[in-house]
Protein backbone atom coordinates (compact mmCIF):
# COMPACT_ATOMS: atom_id res chain seq x y z
CA UNK A 1 -13.64 24.90 -5.35
CA UNK A 2 -10.44 26.43 -4.04
CA UNK A 3 -7.28 24.62 -2.96
CA UNK A 4 -3.91 25.28 -1.45
CA UNK A 5 -0.95 22.97 -0.97
CA UNK A 6 2.03 22.65 1.38
CA UNK A 7 4.94 20.23 1.69
CA UNK A 8 6.49 19.08 4.97
CA UNK A 9 9.99 17.73 5.53
CA UNK A 10 11.91 17.20 8.76
CA UNK A 11 14.65 19.57 7.66
CA UNK A 12 12.49 22.48 6.45
CA UNK A 13 9.17 22.03 8.23
CA UNK A 14 6.04 23.14 6.34
CA UNK A 15 6.50 25.14 3.12
CA UNK A 16 3.37 26.54 1.48
CA UNK A 17 3.39 25.91 -2.28
CA UNK A 18 0.15 27.71 -3.20
CA UNK A 19 -2.02 30.32 -1.52
CA UNK A 20 -5.80 30.59 -1.65
CA UNK A 21 -6.69 32.28 1.67
CA UNK A 22 -8.92 29.36 2.73
CA UNK A 23 -7.51 28.70 6.20
CA UNK A 24 -10.85 29.14 7.99
CA UNK A 25 -12.99 27.94 5.05
CA UNK A 26 -11.43 24.59 4.11
CA UNK A 27 -13.63 21.61 4.94
CA UNK A 28 -11.17 18.88 3.91
CA UNK A 29 -7.38 18.39 3.98
CA UNK A 30 -5.70 15.40 2.33
CA UNK A 31 -2.37 14.33 3.89
CA UNK A 32 -0.29 11.82 1.94
CA UNK A 33 3.07 11.12 3.55
CA UNK A 34 5.96 9.05 4.74
CA UNK A 35 4.88 6.56 7.40
CA UNK A 36 7.27 7.77 10.08
CA UNK A 37 6.36 11.43 9.58
CA UNK A 38 2.65 10.64 9.97
CA UNK A 39 3.40 9.22 13.43
CA UNK A 40 4.69 12.65 14.50
CA UNK A 41 2.13 14.88 16.24
CA UNK A 42 3.91 18.14 15.32
CA UNK A 43 3.08 18.30 11.58
CA UNK A 44 -0.46 17.07 12.28
CA UNK A 45 -1.03 19.80 14.88
CA UNK A 46 0.23 22.41 12.43
CA UNK A 47 -2.43 21.39 9.90
CA UNK A 48 -5.10 21.40 12.60
CA UNK A 49 -4.17 24.97 13.52
CA UNK A 50 -3.90 26.07 9.91
CA UNK A 51 -7.31 24.64 8.95
CA UNK A 52 -9.36 24.59 12.18
CA UNK A 53 -12.67 23.73 10.49
CA UNK A 54 -11.39 20.96 8.21
CA UNK A 55 -11.49 17.20 8.48
CA UNK A 56 -7.96 15.84 8.00
CA UNK A 57 -7.69 12.57 6.08
CA UNK A 58 -4.80 10.71 4.50
CA UNK A 59 -2.51 7.72 4.54
CA UNK A 60 1.05 6.47 4.48
CA UNK A 61 2.53 6.02 1.05
CA UNK A 62 5.14 4.36 -1.13
CA UNK A 63 5.84 7.82 -2.54
CA UNK A 64 4.00 11.16 -2.42
CA UNK A 65 2.79 12.99 -5.52
CA UNK A 66 2.79 16.77 -5.90
CA UNK A 67 2.05 17.95 -9.45
CA UNK A 68 4.67 16.15 -11.56
CA UNK A 69 7.08 15.47 -8.70
CA UNK A 70 7.47 12.36 -6.56
CA UNK A 71 8.77 12.48 -2.97
CA UNK A 72 9.66 9.70 -0.52
CA UNK A 73 10.24 11.41 2.82
CA UNK A 74 7.65 14.20 2.91
CA UNK A 75 4.02 14.95 3.66
CA UNK A 76 1.92 16.59 0.95
CA UNK A 77 -0.99 18.64 2.28
CA UNK A 78 -3.90 19.63 0.00
CA UNK A 79 -6.58 21.77 1.63
CA UNK A 80 -9.94 22.08 -0.18
CA UNK A 81 -12.75 24.59 0.17
CA UNK A 82 -15.94 23.38 -1.48
CA UNK A 83 -18.22 26.31 -2.31
CA UNK A 84 -21.32 24.25 -3.19
CA UNK A 85 -20.54 20.68 -2.16
CA UNK A 86 -21.06 18.93 1.19
CA UNK A 87 -18.92 16.11 2.55
CA UNK A 88 -19.35 13.42 5.17
CA UNK A 89 -16.75 11.06 6.66
CA UNK A 90 -17.22 7.43 7.67
CA UNK A 91 -14.55 5.41 9.47
CA UNK A 92 -14.32 1.72 10.37
CA UNK A 93 -11.72 -0.42 12.10
CA UNK A 94 -10.80 -3.64 10.36
CA UNK A 95 -9.85 -6.43 12.73
CA UNK A 96 -8.98 -8.98 10.04
CA UNK A 97 -9.08 -9.47 6.28
CA UNK A 98 -12.18 -11.62 6.70
CA UNK A 99 -14.12 -8.48 7.69
CA UNK A 100 -13.31 -6.58 4.47
CA UNK A 101 -16.73 -7.10 2.88
CA UNK A 102 -18.61 -6.02 5.98
CA UNK A 103 -16.45 -2.92 6.30
CA UNK A 104 -17.20 -1.87 2.73
CA UNK A 105 -20.91 -2.52 3.17
CA UNK A 106 -21.03 -0.59 6.45
CA UNK A 107 -19.15 2.43 5.05
CA UNK A 108 -21.48 2.66 2.06
CA UNK A 109 -24.57 2.28 4.22
CA UNK A 110 -23.45 5.10 6.51
CA UNK A 111 -22.72 7.46 3.63
CA UNK A 112 -25.54 6.72 1.19
CA UNK A 113 -28.31 9.28 0.56
CA UNK A 114 -30.10 10.20 -2.64
CA UNK A 115 -27.78 13.18 -3.28
CA UNK A 116 -24.53 11.20 -2.82
CA UNK A 117 -22.34 11.92 -5.86
CA UNK A 118 -19.10 10.01 -5.17
CA UNK A 119 -17.15 8.13 -2.51
CA UNK A 120 -13.38 8.12 -2.06
CA UNK A 121 -11.90 5.34 0.09
CA UNK A 122 -8.52 5.22 1.83
CA UNK A 123 -7.71 1.87 3.42
CA UNK A 124 -5.03 0.14 5.44
CA UNK A 125 -2.82 -1.47 2.82
CA UNK A 126 -1.98 -4.78 4.48
CA UNK A 127 -4.83 -6.02 6.70
CA UNK A 128 -7.42 -5.82 3.91
CA UNK A 129 -8.88 -7.77 1.04
CA UNK A 130 -9.46 -4.98 -1.44
CA UNK A 131 -11.74 -7.11 -3.64
CA UNK A 132 -14.08 -7.86 -0.75
CA UNK A 133 -14.02 -4.23 0.37
CA UNK A 134 -15.10 -3.23 -3.15
CA UNK A 135 -17.81 -5.91 -3.26
CA UNK A 136 -19.27 -4.65 0.02
CA UNK A 137 -19.36 -1.09 -1.30
CA UNK A 138 -20.96 -2.20 -4.58
CA UNK A 139 -23.64 -4.28 -2.95
CA UNK A 140 -24.84 -1.47 -0.74
CA UNK A 141 -24.58 1.25 -3.41
CA UNK A 142 -26.28 -0.93 -6.07
CA UNK A 143 -24.05 0.57 -8.78
CA UNK A 144 -25.67 4.00 -8.36
CA UNK A 145 -22.59 5.81 -7.02
CA UNK A 146 -18.99 5.79 -8.24
CA UNK A 147 -16.16 4.86 -5.87
CA UNK A 148 -12.43 5.48 -6.22
CA UNK A 149 -9.52 5.33 -3.79
CA UNK A 150 -6.58 3.22 -2.77
CA UNK A 151 -4.71 1.15 -0.22
CA UNK A 152 -2.05 2.85 1.90
CA UNK A 153 1.61 2.09 1.16
CA UNK A 154 4.86 1.58 3.05
CA UNK A 155 7.51 2.07 0.36
CA UNK A 156 8.22 -1.58 -0.54
CA UNK A 157 8.57 -2.81 3.06
CA UNK A 158 5.10 -4.41 3.59
CA UNK A 159 5.49 -4.01 7.37
CA UNK A 160 2.99 -1.31 8.45
CA UNK A 161 0.59 1.11 6.79
CA UNK A 162 -1.27 4.00 8.39
CA UNK A 163 -4.53 5.91 7.92
CA UNK A 164 -4.87 9.52 9.11
CA UNK A 165 -8.16 10.83 10.51
CA UNK A 166 -7.73 14.10 12.43
CA UNK A 167 -4.74 12.66 14.28
CA UNK A 168 -1.48 10.81 13.80
CA UNK A 169 -1.64 7.75 11.57
CA UNK A 170 -3.20 4.51 12.82
CA UNK A 171 -3.19 0.94 11.57
CA UNK A 172 -6.23 -1.21 10.70
CA UNK A 173 -8.51 1.63 9.61
CA UNK A 174 -10.59 2.33 6.52
CA UNK A 175 -11.99 5.82 5.92
CA UNK A 176 -14.43 6.94 3.24
CA UNK A 177 -15.45 10.42 2.14
CA UNK A 178 -18.89 11.01 0.73
CA UNK A 179 -19.33 13.96 -1.64
CA UNK A 180 -22.89 15.32 -1.96
CA UNK A 181 -24.81 17.53 -4.35
CA UNK A 182 -25.34 18.15 -8.05
CA UNK A 183 -22.64 20.83 -8.24
CA UNK A 184 -19.76 18.34 -8.16
CA UNK A 185 -18.63 16.50 -11.26
CA UNK A 186 -16.29 13.54 -10.91
CA UNK A 187 -14.21 11.80 -13.58
CA UNK A 188 -12.08 8.69 -13.17
CA UNK A 189 -9.86 6.31 -15.09
CA UNK A 190 -7.53 3.40 -14.36
CA UNK A 191 -5.03 1.69 -16.67
CA UNK A 192 -1.98 -0.53 -16.33
CA UNK A 193 0.53 -1.22 -19.06
CA UNK A 194 2.03 -4.57 -18.06
CA UNK A 195 2.62 -7.43 -20.50
CA UNK A 196 1.33 -10.91 -19.73
CA UNK A 197 3.20 -13.91 -21.15
CA UNK A 198 3.38 -17.67 -20.99
CA UNK A 199 0.45 -20.05 -20.65
CA UNK A 200 -2.77 -19.58 -18.75
CA UNK A 201 -2.60 -21.33 -15.40
CA UNK A 202 -5.72 -22.53 -13.60
CA UNK A 203 -6.28 -21.57 -9.99
CA UNK A 204 -6.84 -25.07 -8.61
CA UNK A 205 -6.90 -24.13 -4.94
CA UNK A 206 -7.59 -20.77 -3.29
CA UNK A 207 -9.56 -19.18 -0.51
CA UNK A 208 -10.52 -15.56 -1.09
CA UNK A 209 -7.25 -13.68 -1.61
CA UNK A 210 -5.03 -16.62 -0.56
CA UNK A 211 -3.62 -18.66 -3.44
CA UNK A 212 -2.44 -22.21 -2.70
CA UNK A 213 -2.18 -24.05 -6.04
CA UNK A 214 -1.83 -23.32 -9.75
CA UNK A 215 -2.30 -26.22 -12.15
CA UNK A 216 -2.26 -28.54 -9.15
CA UNK A 217 1.19 -27.35 -8.06
CA UNK A 218 2.10 -25.35 -4.94
CA UNK A 219 1.69 -21.75 -6.07
CA UNK A 220 4.68 -20.30 -4.21
CA UNK A 221 7.02 -22.98 -5.54
CA UNK A 222 5.92 -22.36 -9.12
CA UNK A 223 6.14 -18.60 -8.69
CA UNK A 224 9.68 -18.85 -7.25
CA UNK A 225 10.81 -20.83 -10.28
CA UNK A 226 9.48 -18.02 -12.43
CA UNK A 227 11.23 -15.32 -10.38
CA UNK A 228 14.59 -17.07 -10.31
CA UNK A 229 17.14 -14.94 -8.44
CA UNK A 230 14.43 -12.40 -7.56
CA UNK A 231 12.72 -14.98 -5.34
CA UNK A 232 15.13 -14.18 -2.50
CA UNK A 233 13.56 -10.73 -2.15
CA UNK A 234 9.93 -11.79 -1.81
CA UNK A 235 7.39 -10.28 -1.20
CA UNK A 236 8.88 -6.97 -2.40
CA UNK A 237 10.21 -8.42 -5.67
CA UNK A 238 6.68 -9.63 -6.52
CA UNK A 239 5.81 -6.01 -7.27
CA UNK A 240 7.84 -6.40 -10.45
CA UNK A 241 6.09 -9.64 -11.46
CA UNK A 242 2.32 -9.51 -10.79
CA UNK A 243 -0.37 -11.89 -12.03
CA UNK A 244 -3.08 -11.15 -14.59
CA UNK A 245 -6.47 -12.51 -13.51
CA UNK A 246 -8.91 -13.17 -16.36
CA UNK A 247 -12.52 -12.76 -15.30
CA UNK A 248 -14.94 -15.44 -16.47
CA UNK A 249 -17.29 -14.68 -19.35
CA UNK A 250 -15.69 -11.29 -20.01
CA UNK A 251 -12.74 -9.86 -21.91
CA UNK A 252 -11.64 -8.06 -18.76
CA UNK A 253 -8.45 -8.84 -16.81
CA UNK A 254 -7.41 -7.50 -13.43
CA UNK A 255 -3.86 -7.36 -12.10
CA UNK A 256 -3.10 -8.85 -8.70
CA UNK A 257 -0.07 -8.12 -6.50
CA UNK A 258 1.30 -10.24 -3.64
CA UNK A 259 1.17 -8.79 -0.12
CA UNK A 260 2.87 -11.68 1.69
CA UNK A 261 4.02 -15.27 1.32
CA UNK A 262 3.76 -18.28 3.63
CA UNK A 263 6.77 -20.57 3.35
CA UNK A 264 5.17 -23.19 5.59
CA UNK A 265 2.19 -24.01 3.37
CA UNK A 266 3.46 -22.60 0.06
CA UNK A 267 0.71 -20.00 -0.25
CA UNK A 268 0.64 -16.37 -1.33
CA UNK A 269 -1.66 -13.61 -0.02
CA UNK A 270 -2.82 -11.09 -2.62
CA UNK A 271 -4.35 -7.63 -2.28
CA UNK A 272 -7.55 -8.97 -3.88
CA UNK A 273 -9.36 -12.22 -4.56
CA UNK A 274 -7.91 -15.01 -6.73
CA UNK A 275 -11.08 -17.12 -7.31
CA UNK A 276 -10.71 -20.87 -7.68
CA UNK A 277 -11.41 -22.04 -11.23
CA UNK A 278 -10.27 -18.80 -12.82
CA UNK A 279 -7.10 -18.48 -14.93
CA UNK A 280 -4.03 -16.33 -14.34
CA UNK A 281 -0.98 -15.45 -16.40
CA UNK A 282 2.41 -14.20 -15.36
CA UNK A 283 3.26 -10.56 -16.08
CA UNK A 284 6.30 -8.36 -16.49
CA UNK A 285 6.91 -4.67 -16.98
CA UNK A 286 7.11 -2.79 -20.25
CA UNK A 287 8.46 0.69 -19.61
CA UNK A 288 6.88 2.42 -22.57
CA UNK A 289 3.52 0.76 -21.98
CA UNK A 290 3.47 1.92 -18.36
CA UNK A 291 3.77 5.53 -19.56
CA UNK A 292 1.10 4.88 -22.21
CA UNK A 293 -1.10 3.38 -19.50
CA UNK A 294 -0.85 6.57 -17.43
CA UNK A 295 -1.78 8.60 -20.51
CA UNK A 296 -4.76 6.32 -21.20
CA UNK A 297 -5.96 6.63 -17.59
CA UNK A 298 -5.86 10.41 -17.98
CA UNK A 299 -7.85 10.19 -21.22
CA UNK A 300 -10.45 7.97 -19.52
CA UNK A 301 -10.81 10.37 -16.61
CA UNK A 302 -11.31 13.29 -19.00
CA UNK A 303 -13.97 11.35 -20.90
CA UNK A 304 -15.92 10.56 -17.72
CA UNK A 305 -15.63 14.25 -16.71
CA UNK A 306 -17.13 15.03 -20.14
CA UNK A 307 -13.95 16.81 -21.24
CA UNK A 308 -14.34 19.56 -18.63
CA UNK A 309 -11.27 21.09 -16.99
CA UNK A 310 -10.93 19.77 -13.46
CA UNK A 311 -10.19 21.73 -10.28
CA UNK A 312 -8.42 18.86 -8.51
CA UNK A 313 -6.75 15.62 -9.57
CA UNK A 314 -5.94 12.80 -7.14
CA UNK A 315 -3.51 10.25 -8.61
CA UNK A 316 -3.07 6.84 -7.01
CA UNK A 317 -0.41 4.69 -8.69
CA UNK A 318 0.96 1.31 -7.63
CA UNK A 319 4.39 1.10 -6.00
CA UNK A 320 5.28 -1.60 -8.54
CA UNK A 321 5.16 1.00 -11.30
CA UNK A 322 7.46 3.25 -9.28
CA UNK A 323 9.98 0.43 -8.80
CA UNK A 324 10.04 -0.28 -12.54
CA UNK A 325 10.20 3.33 -13.73
CA UNK A 326 12.82 4.26 -11.09
CA UNK A 327 14.37 7.67 -11.77
CA UNK A 328 11.97 8.13 -14.70
CA UNK A 329 8.88 7.71 -12.52
CA UNK A 330 7.87 11.35 -13.00
CA UNK A 331 7.38 10.69 -16.72
CA UNK A 332 4.01 9.04 -15.99
CA UNK A 333 2.96 12.18 -14.11
CA UNK A 334 4.10 14.38 -16.98
CA UNK A 335 2.10 12.23 -19.42
CA UNK A 336 -1.00 12.79 -17.29
CA UNK A 337 -0.45 16.53 -17.02
CA UNK A 338 -0.28 16.80 -20.80
CA UNK A 339 -3.83 15.42 -20.94
CA UNK A 340 -5.54 17.05 -17.96
CA UNK A 341 -3.71 20.39 -18.10
CA UNK A 342 -0.98 22.16 -16.13
CA UNK A 343 -3.14 24.40 -13.95
CA UNK A 344 -4.96 21.64 -12.06
CA UNK A 345 -4.10 21.09 -8.40
CA UNK A 346 -2.59 17.60 -8.33
CA UNK A 347 -1.80 15.34 -5.40
CA UNK A 348 -1.77 11.62 -4.65
CA UNK A 349 0.43 8.72 -3.66
CA UNK A 350 2.00 5.41 -4.64
CA UNK A 351 -0.06 2.60 -3.16
CA UNK A 352 -0.53 -1.11 -2.47
CA UNK A 353 -3.74 -1.16 -4.54
CA UNK A 354 -6.18 1.09 -6.38
CA UNK A 355 -9.99 1.19 -6.41
CA UNK A 356 -11.85 2.44 -9.48
CA UNK A 357 -14.54 1.40 -12.00
CA UNK A 358 -13.07 -0.35 -15.04
CA UNK A 359 -14.74 1.88 -17.65
CA UNK A 360 -15.82 5.55 -17.86
CA UNK A 361 -19.37 6.19 -16.58
CA UNK A 362 -19.49 2.75 -14.90
CA UNK A 363 -20.29 2.88 -11.18
CA UNK A 364 -19.20 -0.63 -10.22
CA UNK A 365 -15.76 -0.35 -8.60
CA UNK A 366 -13.02 -2.98 -8.64
CA UNK A 367 -9.71 -3.42 -6.87
CA UNK A 368 -6.77 -2.94 -9.24
CA UNK A 369 -3.06 -3.51 -8.78
CA UNK A 370 -0.21 -2.04 -10.79
CA UNK A 371 -2.39 0.66 -12.34
CA UNK A 372 -2.41 4.42 -12.45
CA UNK A 373 -5.81 5.52 -11.16
CA UNK A 374 -6.98 9.12 -11.56
CA UNK A 375 -9.92 10.88 -9.94
CA UNK A 376 -10.83 14.34 -11.23
CA UNK A 377 -13.08 16.77 -9.33
CA UNK A 378 -14.79 19.83 -10.73
CA UNK A 379 -17.26 22.06 -8.89
CA UNK A 380 -19.79 23.87 -11.08
């Protein structure tokens, strides 16, 4: 595998950051960028001309990752030449959140063959139920193939997210990349670092990813009391105060982030399911634990790659972590680099949700919020 990277800004245009002489060879280019820049045909056309034989895929972000740096108003391009690995792209429009399961199932069905090694998914970040998308993928793949990926971001605006597929960004799309062959090794890991507190609260009324009541009380009203002065900035302020969802009959908890609120009926829409009868707890940030969580995600990804040195790392971290870490956000990227090594091509973005198995070597993916999720690729 060979890679080369470039960075685009409106003031400087495209600047190549690494050179690998793969212009005509690259089969895949990832573009992670500012929403408004991805609506501009000029930078997209440049990449098309630079890599004429490559499929161009990407999404809008809440921050772009290049090595250990985070940008907010750029596009990061990562071109990849696979020497012994084949890829295939599947794309589906999503008309409403209710179609999330069917979209996941359809993508997996289109990509699955016996030599499928891994799938990476990039999804619209707002018009999606990430839990149902993951369930659809899992059902069709029967836990035989690992899946990682994430939901597109829009800083902390929650107004519009875009998916790129060989053209300027579009809304309401989900794309998936299938990687094929025994010469590709993939490692992955996902960890959080948030502290839960207070009492467990029962989900007494919900429908899919819409939460109406906790402990028999209107969910939004209770949540606003918890937020205090931060309630005025919903839904963006909810990124700082997610919920921990405890799964029945397991010791596993998943973090859930709010995408929108409905003042009329007192409900909250989450990026993933909040099943009725389950229990949730309120959460808040712990700076040191967020950095430790990034380190642990890197360790998990190395374990699932069997301690090999990767060629490429794709990092997908939740925008909530970025808002908490602020000017020290790059510390979580530095913690990861210390584990995976300094010579690995690294890209990624800050997201509205992350998709990854919970444990190394598992191939059952889940939607996560507020985590750092790492996918490592190595061609042998």
